[in-house]
Amino acid sequence: YFSSGMKQRLKLALAICSKSNFLLLDEPTTNLDEQGVGWY
């Protein structure tokens, strides 16, 4: 029931905020509005 922007935020948060040495992001601001881009 999340919007596309909320889902993208969740994907980014799970990747960026997890303990990993190697972080890969593909088109990270897809579906994000201006506020979401600032958050990213």
All heavy atoms as atom14 arrays in JSON, in Angstrom:
{
  "sequence": "YFSSGMKQRLKLALAICSKSNFLLLDEPTTNLDEQGVGWY",
  "atom14_mask": [
    [1, 1, 1, 1, 1, 1, 1, 1, 1, 1, 1, 1, 0, 0],
    [1, 1, 1, 1, 1, 1, 1, 1, 1, 1, 1, 0, 0, 0],
    [1, 1, 1, 1, 1, 1, 0, 0, 0, 0, 0, 0, 0, 0],
    [1, 1, 1, 1, 1, 1, 0, 0, 0, 0, 0, 0, 0, 0],
    [1, 1, 1, 1, 0, 0, 0, 0, 0, 0, 0, 0, 0, 0],
    [1, 1, 1, 1, 1, 1, 1, 1, 0, 0, 0, 0, 0, 0],
    [1, 1, 1, 1, 1, 1, 1, 1, 1, 0, 0, 0, 0, 0],
    [1, 1, 1, 1, 1, 1, 1, 1, 1, 0, 0, 0, 0, 0],
    [1, 1, 1, 1, 1, 1, 1, 1, 1, 1, 1, 0, 0, 0],
    [1, 1, 1, 1, 1, 1, 1, 1, 0, 0, 0, 0, 0, 0],
    [1, 1, 1, 1, 1, 1, 1, 1, 1, 0, 0, 0, 0, 0],
    [1, 1, 1, 1, 1, 1, 1, 1, 0, 0, 0, 0, 0, 0],
    [1, 1, 1, 1, 1, 0, 0, 0, 0, 0, 0, 0, 0, 0],
    [1, 1, 1, 1, 1, 1, 1, 1, 0, 0, 0, 0, 0, 0],
    [1, 1, 1, 1, 1, 0, 0, 0, 0, 0, 0, 0, 0, 0],
    [1, 1, 1, 1, 1, 1, 1, 1, 0, 0, 0, 0, 0, 0],
    [1, 1, 1, 1, 1, 1, 0, 0, 0, 0, 0, 0, 0, 0],
    [1, 1, 1, 1, 1, 1, 0, 0, 0, 0, 0, 0, 0, 0],
    [1, 1, 1, 1, 1, 1, 1, 1, 1, 0, 0, 0, 0, 0],
    [1, 1, 1, 1, 1, 1, 0, 0, 0, 0, 0, 0, 0, 0],
    [1, 1, 1, 1, 1, 1, 1, 1, 0, 0, 0, 0, 0, 0],
    [1, 1, 1, 1, 1, 1, 1, 1, 1, 1, 1, 0, 0, 0],
    [1, 1, 1, 1, 1, 1, 1, 1, 0, 0, 0, 0, 0, 0],
    [1, 1, 1, 1, 1, 1, 1, 1, 0, 0, 0, 0, 0, 0],
    [1, 1, 1, 1, 1, 1, 1, 1, 0, 0, 0, 0, 0, 0],
    [1, 1, 1, 1, 1, 1, 1, 1, 0, 0, 0, 0, 0, 0],
    [1, 1, 1, 1, 1, 1, 1, 1, 1, 0, 0, 0, 0, 0],
    [1, 1, 1, 1, 1, 1, 1, 0, 0, 0, 0, 0, 0, 0],
    [1, 1, 1, 1, 1, 1, 1, 0, 0, 0, 0, 0, 0, 0],
    [1, 1, 1, 1, 1, 1, 1, 0, 0, 0, 0, 0, 0, 0],
    [1, 1, 1, 1, 1, 1, 1, 1, 0, 0, 0, 0, 0, 0],
    [1, 1, 1, 1, 1, 1, 1, 1, 0, 0, 0, 0, 0, 0],
    [1, 1, 1, 1, 1, 1, 1, 1, 0, 0, 0, 0, 0, 0],
    [1, 1, 1, 1, 1, 1, 1, 1, 1, 0, 0, 0, 0, 0],
    [1, 1, 1, 1, 1, 1, 1, 1, 1, 0, 0, 0, 0, 0],
    [1, 1, 1, 1, 0, 0, 0, 0, 0, 0, 0, 0, 0, 0],
    [1, 1, 1, 1, 1, 1, 1, 0, 0, 0, 0, 0, 0, 0],
    [1, 1, 1, 1, 0, 0, 0, 0, 0, 0, 0, 0, 0, 0],
    [1, 1, 1, 1, 1, 1, 1, 1, 1, 1, 1, 1, 1, 1],
    [1, 1, 1, 1, 1, 1, 1, 1, 1, 1, 1, 1, 0, 0]
  ],
  "atom14_positions": [
    [[0.81, -1.21, 0.0], [0.0, 0.0, 0.0], [0.85, 1.27, 0.0], [0.31, 2.37, 0.05], [-0.94, 0.0, 1.21], [-1.93, -1.14, 1.19], [-1.95, -2.07, 2.22], [-2.83, -1.3, 0.13], [-2.85, -3.14, 2.21], [-3.72, -2.36, 0.1], [-3.73, -3.27, 1.14], [-4.62, -4.32, 1.12], [0.0, 0.0, 0.0], [0.0, 0.0, 0.0]],
    [[2.16, 1.12, -0.05], [3.05, 2.28, -0.11], [3.01, 2.89, -1.51], [2.81, 2.19, -2.5], [4.49, 1.87, 0.2], [4.79, 1.65, 1.66], [3.79, 1.47, 2.6], [6.11, 1.6, 2.1], [4.08, 1.27, 3.94], [6.41, 1.4, 3.43], [5.4, 1.23, 4.35], [0.0, 0.0, 0.0], [0.0, 0.0, 0.0], [0.0, 0.0, 0.0]],
    [[3.26, 4.18, -1.59], [3.44, 4.82, -2.89], [4.77, 4.38, -3.49], [5.63, 3.81, -2.79], [3.43, 6.34, -2.73], [4.59, 6.77, -2.02], [0.0, 0.0, 0.0], [0.0, 0.0, 0.0], [0.0, 0.0, 0.0], [0.0, 0.0, 0.0], [0.0, 0.0, 0.0], [0.0, 0.0, 0.0], [0.0, 0.0, 0.0], [0.0, 0.0, 0.0]],
    [[4.97, 4.64, -4.77], [6.23, 4.27, -5.42], [7.41, 4.99, -4.77], [8.5, 4.41, -4.63], [6.18, 4.58, -6.92], [5.92, 5.95, -7.14], [0.0, 0.0, 0.0], [0.0, 0.0, 0.0], [0.0, 0.0, 0.0], [0.0, 0.0, 0.0], [0.0, 0.0, 0.0], [0.0, 0.0, 0.0], [0.0, 0.0, 0.0], [0.0, 0.0, 0.0]],
    [[7.19, 6.23, -4.35], [8.27, 6.96, -3.69], [8.62, 6.38, -2.33], [9.8, 6.31, -1.95], [0.0, 0.0, 0.0], [0.0, 0.0, 0.0], [0.0, 0.0, 0.0], [0.0, 0.0, 0.0], [0.0, 0.0, 0.0], [0.0, 0.0, 0.0], [0.0, 0.0, 0.0], [0.0, 0.0, 0.0], [0.0, 0.0, 0.0], [0.0, 0.0, 0.0]],
    [[7.61, 5.94, -1.57], [7.86, 5.31, -0.27], [8.62, 4.0, -0.43], [9.54, 3.7, 0.34], [6.54, 5.08, 0.46], [5.85, 6.34, 0.94], [4.23, 6.0, 1.68], [4.71, 5.21, 3.24], [0.0, 0.0, 0.0], [0.0, 0.0, 0.0], [0.0, 0.0, 0.0], [0.0, 0.0, 0.0], [0.0, 0.0, 0.0], [0.0, 0.0, 0.0]],
    [[8.25, 3.23, -1.45], [8.95, 1.97, -1.7], [10.42, 2.22, -2.06], [11.31, 1.5, -1.59], [8.26, 1.19, -2.82], [6.9, 0.63, -2.45], [6.25, -0.06, -3.64], [4.86, -0.56, -3.29], [4.17, -1.17, -4.46], [0.0, 0.0, 0.0], [0.0, 0.0, 0.0], [0.0, 0.0, 0.0], [0.0, 0.0, 0.0], [0.0, 0.0, 0.0]],
    [[10.65, 3.25, -2.87], [12.03, 3.56, -3.24], [12.83, 4.01, -2.03], [14.0, 3.64, -1.87], [12.07, 4.63, -4.33], [13.45, 4.98, -4.83], [14.17, 3.83, -5.52], [13.6, 2.77, -5.77], [15.45, 4.02, -5.81], [0.0, 0.0, 0.0], [0.0, 0.0, 0.0], [0.0, 0.0, 0.0], [0.0, 0.0, 0.0], [0.0, 0.0, 0.0]],
    [[12.23, 4.81, -1.16], [12.92, 5.21, 0.07], [13.28, 3.99, 0.91], [14.39, 3.91, 1.46], [12.03, 6.14, 0.89], [11.99, 7.57, 0.41], [11.51, 8.46, 1.53], [11.29, 9.84, 1.14], [11.38, 10.86, 1.96], [11.67, 10.67, 3.23], [11.15, 12.09, 1.55], [0.0, 0.0, 0.0], [0.0, 0.0, 0.0], [0.0, 0.0, 0.0]],
    [[12.36, 3.06, 1.02], [12.62, 1.86, 1.82], [13.78, 1.05, 1.22], [14.66, 0.59, 1.95], [11.36, 1.01, 1.92], [11.47, -0.31, 2.69], [11.99, -0.08, 4.12], [10.12, -1.02, 2.72], [0.0, 0.0, 0.0], [0.0, 0.0, 0.0], [0.0, 0.0, 0.0], [0.0, 0.0, 0.0], [0.0, 0.0, 0.0], [0.0, 0.0, 0.0]],
    [[13.78, 0.87, -0.09], [14.87, 0.15, -0.74], [16.22, 0.82, -0.46], [17.21, 0.15, -0.14], [14.64, 0.08, -2.25], [13.48, -0.78, -2.69], [13.29, -0.7, -4.2], [12.05, -1.43, -4.64], [11.87, -1.36, -6.12], [0.0, 0.0, 0.0], [0.0, 0.0, 0.0], [0.0, 0.0, 0.0], [0.0, 0.0, 0.0], [0.0, 0.0, 0.0]],
    [[16.24, 2.14, -0.58], [17.49, 2.86, -0.35], [17.93, 2.77, 1.1], [19.11, 2.56, 1.39], [17.32, 4.33, -0.75], [17.2, 4.62, -2.24], [16.82, 6.07, -2.47], [18.51, 4.29, -2.97], [0.0, 0.0, 0.0], [0.0, 0.0, 0.0], [0.0, 0.0, 0.0], [0.0, 0.0, 0.0], [0.0, 0.0, 0.0], [0.0, 0.0, 0.0]],
    [[16.99, 2.91, 2.02], [17.33, 2.85, 3.44], [17.88, 1.48, 3.81], [18.86, 1.37, 4.55], [16.11, 3.18, 4.3], [0.0, 0.0, 0.0], [0.0, 0.0, 0.0], [0.0, 0.0, 0.0], [0.0, 0.0, 0.0], [0.0, 0.0, 0.0], [0.0, 0.0, 0.0], [0.0, 0.0, 0.0], [0.0, 0.0, 0.0], [0.0, 0.0, 0.0]],
    [[17.26, 0.42, 3.31], [17.72, -0.94, 3.62], [19.13, -1.17, 3.08], [19.95, -1.85, 3.71], [16.76, -1.97, 3.06], [15.38, -2.05, 3.74], [14.48, -3.03, 3.0], [15.51, -2.45, 5.21], [0.0, 0.0, 0.0], [0.0, 0.0, 0.0], [0.0, 0.0, 0.0], [0.0, 0.0, 0.0], [0.0, 0.0, 0.0], [0.0, 0.0, 0.0]],
    [[19.43, -0.63, 1.92], [20.76, -0.82, 1.33], [21.81, 0.06, 2.01], [22.85, -0.42, 2.44], [20.71, -0.52, -0.16], [0.0, 0.0, 0.0], [0.0, 0.0, 0.0], [0.0, 0.0, 0.0], [0.0, 0.0, 0.0], [0.0, 0.0, 0.0], [0.0, 0.0, 0.0], [0.0, 0.0, 0.0], [0.0, 0.0, 0.0], [0.0, 0.0, 0.0]],
    [[21.52, 1.35, 2.11], [22.51, 2.29, 2.61], [22.75, 2.13, 4.11], [23.88, 2.3, 4.59], [22.08, 3.74, 2.29], [22.04, 3.95, 0.77], [23.02, 4.76, 2.93], [21.43, 5.28, 0.34], [0.0, 0.0, 0.0], [0.0, 0.0, 0.0], [0.0, 0.0, 0.0], [0.0, 0.0, 0.0], [0.0, 0.0, 0.0], [0.0, 0.0, 0.0]],
    [[21.72, 1.78, 4.85], [21.82, 1.72, 6.31], [22.12, 0.33, 6.84], [22.03, 0.08, 8.05], [20.54, 2.26, 6.95], [20.23, 4.0, 6.56], [0.0, 0.0, 0.0], [0.0, 0.0, 0.0], [0.0, 0.0, 0.0], [0.0, 0.0, 0.0], [0.0, 0.0, 0.0], [0.0, 0.0, 0.0], [0.0, 0.0, 0.0], [0.0, 0.0, 0.0]],
    [[22.47, -0.58, 5.96], [22.88, -1.91, 6.39], [24.39, -1.98, 6.47], [25.11, -1.24, 5.8], [22.37, -2.98, 5.41], [20.98, -3.12, 5.52], [0.0, 0.0, 0.0], [0.0, 0.0, 0.0], [0.0, 0.0, 0.0], [0.0, 0.0, 0.0], [0.0, 0.0, 0.0], [0.0, 0.0, 0.0], [0.0, 0.0, 0.0], [0.0, 0.0, 0.0]],
    [[24.86, -2.9, 7.29], [26.29, -3.07, 7.49], [26.88, -3.81, 6.29], [26.74, -5.02, 6.14], [26.54, -3.86, 8.78], [27.98, -3.9, 9.22], [28.11, -4.62, 10.56], [29.56, -4.68, 11.02], [29.68, -5.39, 12.31], [0.0, 0.0, 0.0], [0.0, 0.0, 0.0], [0.0, 0.0, 0.0], [0.0, 0.0, 0.0], [0.0, 0.0, 0.0]],
    [[27.53, -3.07, 5.4], [28.14, -3.66, 4.21], [29.33, -2.81, 3.8], [29.34, -1.59, 4.02], [27.14, -3.74, 3.05], [26.75, -2.45, 2.62], [0.0, 0.0, 0.0], [0.0, 0.0, 0.0], [0.0, 0.0, 0.0], [0.0, 0.0, 0.0], [0.0, 0.0, 0.0], [0.0, 0.0, 0.0], [0.0, 0.0, 0.0], [0.0, 0.0, 0.0]],
    [[30.3, -3.44, 3.2], [31.48, -2.72, 2.73], [31.32, -2.23, 1.3], [32.07, -1.35, 0.86], [32.7, -3.65, 2.81], [33.09, -3.96, 4.23], [33.31, -3.07, 5.04], [33.16, -5.25, 4.56], [0.0, 0.0, 0.0], [0.0, 0.0, 0.0], [0.0, 0.0, 0.0], [0.0, 0.0, 0.0], [0.0, 0.0, 0.0], [0.0, 0.0, 0.0]],
    [[30.36, -2.79, 0.58], [30.22, -2.58, -0.86], [28.76, -2.21, -1.13], [27.86, -3.01, -0.88], [30.62, -3.87, -1.57], [30.72, -3.8, -3.06], [30.75, -2.6, -3.75], [30.81, -4.98, -3.8], [30.85, -2.56, -5.12], [30.91, -4.97, -5.18], [30.93, -3.76, -5.85], [0.0, 0.0, 0.0], [0.0, 0.0, 0.0], [0.0, 0.0, 0.0]],
    [[28.53, -1.0, -1.6], [27.18, -0.48, -1.8], [26.97, -0.14, -3.27], [27.69, 0.68, -3.83], [26.98, 0.76, -0.92], [25.67, 1.51, -1.0], [24.48, 0.6, -0.67], [25.69, 2.71, -0.06], [0.0, 0.0, 0.0], [0.0, 0.0, 0.0], [0.0, 0.0, 0.0], [0.0, 0.0, 0.0], [0.0, 0.0, 0.0], [0.0, 0.0, 0.0]],
    [[25.96, -0.77, -3.87], [25.63, -0.55, -5.27], [24.23, 0.05, -5.38], [23.27, -0.51, -4.82], [25.66, -1.88, -6.04], [27.03, -2.55, -6.17], [26.86, -4.01, -6.61], [27.89, -1.81, -7.18], [0.0, 0.0, 0.0], [0.0, 0.0, 0.0], [0.0, 0.0, 0.0], [0.0, 0.0, 0.0], [0.0, 0.0, 0.0], [0.0, 0.0, 0.0]],
    [[24.12, 1.17, -6.07], [22.84, 1.84, -6.24], [22.58, 2.08, -7.72], [23.41, 2.67, -8.41], [22.84, 3.19, -5.51], [23.16, 3.17, -4.01], [23.18, 4.6, -3.47], [22.16, 2.31, -3.24], [0.0, 0.0, 0.0], [0.0, 0.0, 0.0], [0.0, 0.0, 0.0], [0.0, 0.0, 0.0], [0.0, 0.0, 0.0], [0.0, 0.0, 0.0]],
    [[21.44, 1.61, -8.2], [21.06, 1.78, -9.59], [19.9, 2.78, -9.65], [18.83, 2.53, -9.09], [20.63, 0.43, -10.18], [20.6, 0.43, -11.7], [20.77, 1.52, -12.29], [20.4, -0.64, -12.3], [0.0, 0.0, 0.0], [0.0, 0.0, 0.0], [0.0, 0.0, 0.0], [0.0, 0.0, 0.0], [0.0, 0.0, 0.0], [0.0, 0.0, 0.0]],
    [[20.13, 3.91, -10.31], [19.12, 4.97, -10.47], [18.41, 5.27, -9.14], [17.2, 5.11, -9.01], [18.12, 4.58, -11.55], [18.76, 4.4, -12.91], [17.76, 4.14, -14.02], [16.6, 3.83, -13.71], [18.15, 4.25, -15.19], [0.0, 0.0, 0.0], [0.0, 0.0, 0.0], [0.0, 0.0, 0.0], [0.0, 0.0, 0.0], [0.0, 0.0, 0.0]],
    [[19.16, 5.7, -8.14], [18.62, 5.79, -6.78], [17.48, 6.78, -6.58], [16.67, 6.59, -5.67], [19.84, 6.19, -5.94], [20.82, 6.76, -6.91], [20.59, 6.02, -8.19], [0.0, 0.0, 0.0], [0.0, 0.0, 0.0], [0.0, 0.0, 0.0], [0.0, 0.0, 0.0], [0.0, 0.0, 0.0], [0.0, 0.0, 0.0], [0.0, 0.0, 0.0]],
    [[17.38, 7.83, -7.38], [16.3, 8.8, -7.14], [15.05, 8.54, -7.98], [14.15, 9.37, -8.02], [16.78, 10.24, -7.37], [17.19, 10.41, -8.73], [17.93, 10.59, -6.44], [0.0, 0.0, 0.0], [0.0, 0.0, 0.0], [0.0, 0.0, 0.0], [0.0, 0.0, 0.0], [0.0, 0.0, 0.0], [0.0, 0.0, 0.0], [0.0, 0.0, 0.0]],
    [[14.99, 7.37, -8.61], [13.77, 6.99, -9.33], [12.57, 7.07, -8.4], [12.61, 6.56, -7.28], [13.89, 5.56, -9.88], [14.96, 5.52, -10.83], [12.61, 5.1, -10.55], [0.0, 0.0, 0.0], [0.0, 0.0, 0.0], [0.0, 0.0, 0.0], [0.0, 0.0, 0.0], [0.0, 0.0, 0.0], [0.0, 0.0, 0.0], [0.0, 0.0, 0.0]],
    [[11.51, 7.74, -8.84], [10.24, 7.88, -8.09], [10.32, 8.81, -6.88], [9.35, 8.9, -6.12], [9.69, 6.51, -7.64], [9.34, 5.62, -8.8], [8.77, 6.08, -9.79], [9.67, 4.34, -8.71], [0.0, 0.0, 0.0], [0.0, 0.0, 0.0], [0.0, 0.0, 0.0], [0.0, 0.0, 0.0], [0.0, 0.0, 0.0], [0.0, 0.0, 0.0]],
    [[11.45, 9.47, -6.67], [11.57, 10.39, -5.54], [11.24, 11.81, -5.97], [11.68, 12.26, -7.03], [12.98, 10.35, -4.94], [13.45, 9.03, -4.32], [14.82, 9.22, -3.68], [12.45, 8.5, -3.3], [0.0, 0.0, 0.0], [0.0, 0.0, 0.0], [0.0, 0.0, 0.0], [0.0, 0.0, 0.0], [0.0, 0.0, 0.0], [0.0, 0.0, 0.0]],
    [[10.5, 12.52, -5.1], [10.24, 13.94, -5.35], [11.43, 14.75, -4.83], [12.44, 14.19, -4.37], [8.93, 14.38, -4.69], [8.89, 14.13, -3.19], [9.96, 13.91, -2.58], [7.79, 14.15, -2.62], [0.0, 0.0, 0.0], [0.0, 0.0, 0.0], [0.0, 0.0, 0.0], [0.0, 0.0, 0.0], [0.0, 0.0, 0.0], [0.0, 0.0, 0.0]],
    [[11.32, 16.08, -4.89], [12.44, 16.93, -4.5], [12.85, 16.69, -3.05], [14.04, 16.62, -2.73], [12.06, 18.4, -4.69], [13.19, 19.37, -4.43], [12.81, 20.81, -4.72], [11.74, 21.03, -5.31], [13.6, 21.71, -4.37], [0.0, 0.0, 0.0], [0.0, 0.0, 0.0], [0.0, 0.0, 0.0], [0.0, 0.0, 0.0], [0.0, 0.0, 0.0]],
    [[11.87, 16.53, -2.18], [12.18, 16.25, -0.77], [12.88, 14.91, -0.63], [13.83, 14.75, 0.15], [10.9, 16.27, 0.06], [11.14, 16.06, 1.55], [9.85, 15.98, 2.33], [8.83, 15.51, 1.83], [9.87, 16.44, 3.57], [0.0, 0.0, 0.0], [0.0, 0.0, 0.0], [0.0, 0.0, 0.0], [0.0, 0.0, 0.0], [0.0, 0.0, 0.0]],
    [[12.42, 13.93, -1.39], [13.02, 12.61, -1.35], [14.46, 12.61, -1.84], [15.31, 11.9, -1.3], [0.0, 0.0, 0.0], [0.0, 0.0, 0.0], [0.0, 0.0, 0.0], [0.0, 0.0, 0.0], [0.0, 0.0, 0.0], [0.0, 0.0, 0.0], [0.0, 0.0, 0.0], [0.0, 0.0, 0.0], [0.0, 0.0, 0.0], [0.0, 0.0, 0.0]],
    [[14.73, 13.42, -2.85], [16.11, 13.53, -3.35], [17.01, 14.12, -2.27], [18.13, 13.64, -2.06], [16.15, 14.39, -4.63], [17.6, 14.7, -5.02], [15.43, 13.69, -5.77], [0.0, 0.0, 0.0], [0.0, 0.0, 0.0], [0.0, 0.0, 0.0], [0.0, 0.0, 0.0], [0.0, 0.0, 0.0], [0.0, 0.0, 0.0], [0.0, 0.0, 0.0]],
    [[16.52, 15.13, -1.58], [17.3, 15.71, -0.48], [17.55, 14.71, 0.62], [18.65, 14.65, 1.2], [0.0, 0.0, 0.0], [0.0, 0.0, 0.0], [0.0, 0.0, 0.0], [0.0, 0.0, 0.0], [0.0, 0.0, 0.0], [0.0, 0.0, 0.0], [0.0, 0.0, 0.0], [0.0, 0.0, 0.0], [0.0, 0.0, 0.0], [0.0, 0.0, 0.0]],
    [[16.55, 13.89, 0.92], [16.68, 12.82, 1.92], [17.75, 11.81, 1.49], [18.58, 11.4, 2.3], [15.33, 12.16, 2.1], [15.31, 10.94, 2.97], [15.19, 10.88, 4.32], [15.4, 9.58, 2.52], [15.21, 9.58, 4.75], [15.34, 8.76, 3.67], [15.53, 8.97, 1.27], [15.4, 7.36, 3.6], [15.6, 7.59, 1.2], [15.53, 6.81, 2.35]],
    [[17.72, 11.42, 0.22], [18.72, 10.49, -0.32], [20.13, 11.07, -0.18], [21.05, 10.38, 0.28], [18.4, 10.2, -1.79], [19.58, 9.79, -2.63], [20.14, 8.52, -2.5], [20.13, 10.67, -3.57], [21.23, 8.14, -3.28], [21.2, 10.3, -4.35], [21.77, 9.03, -4.2], [22.85, 8.67, -4.97], [0.0, 0.0, 0.0], [0.0, 0.0, 0.0]]
  ]
}
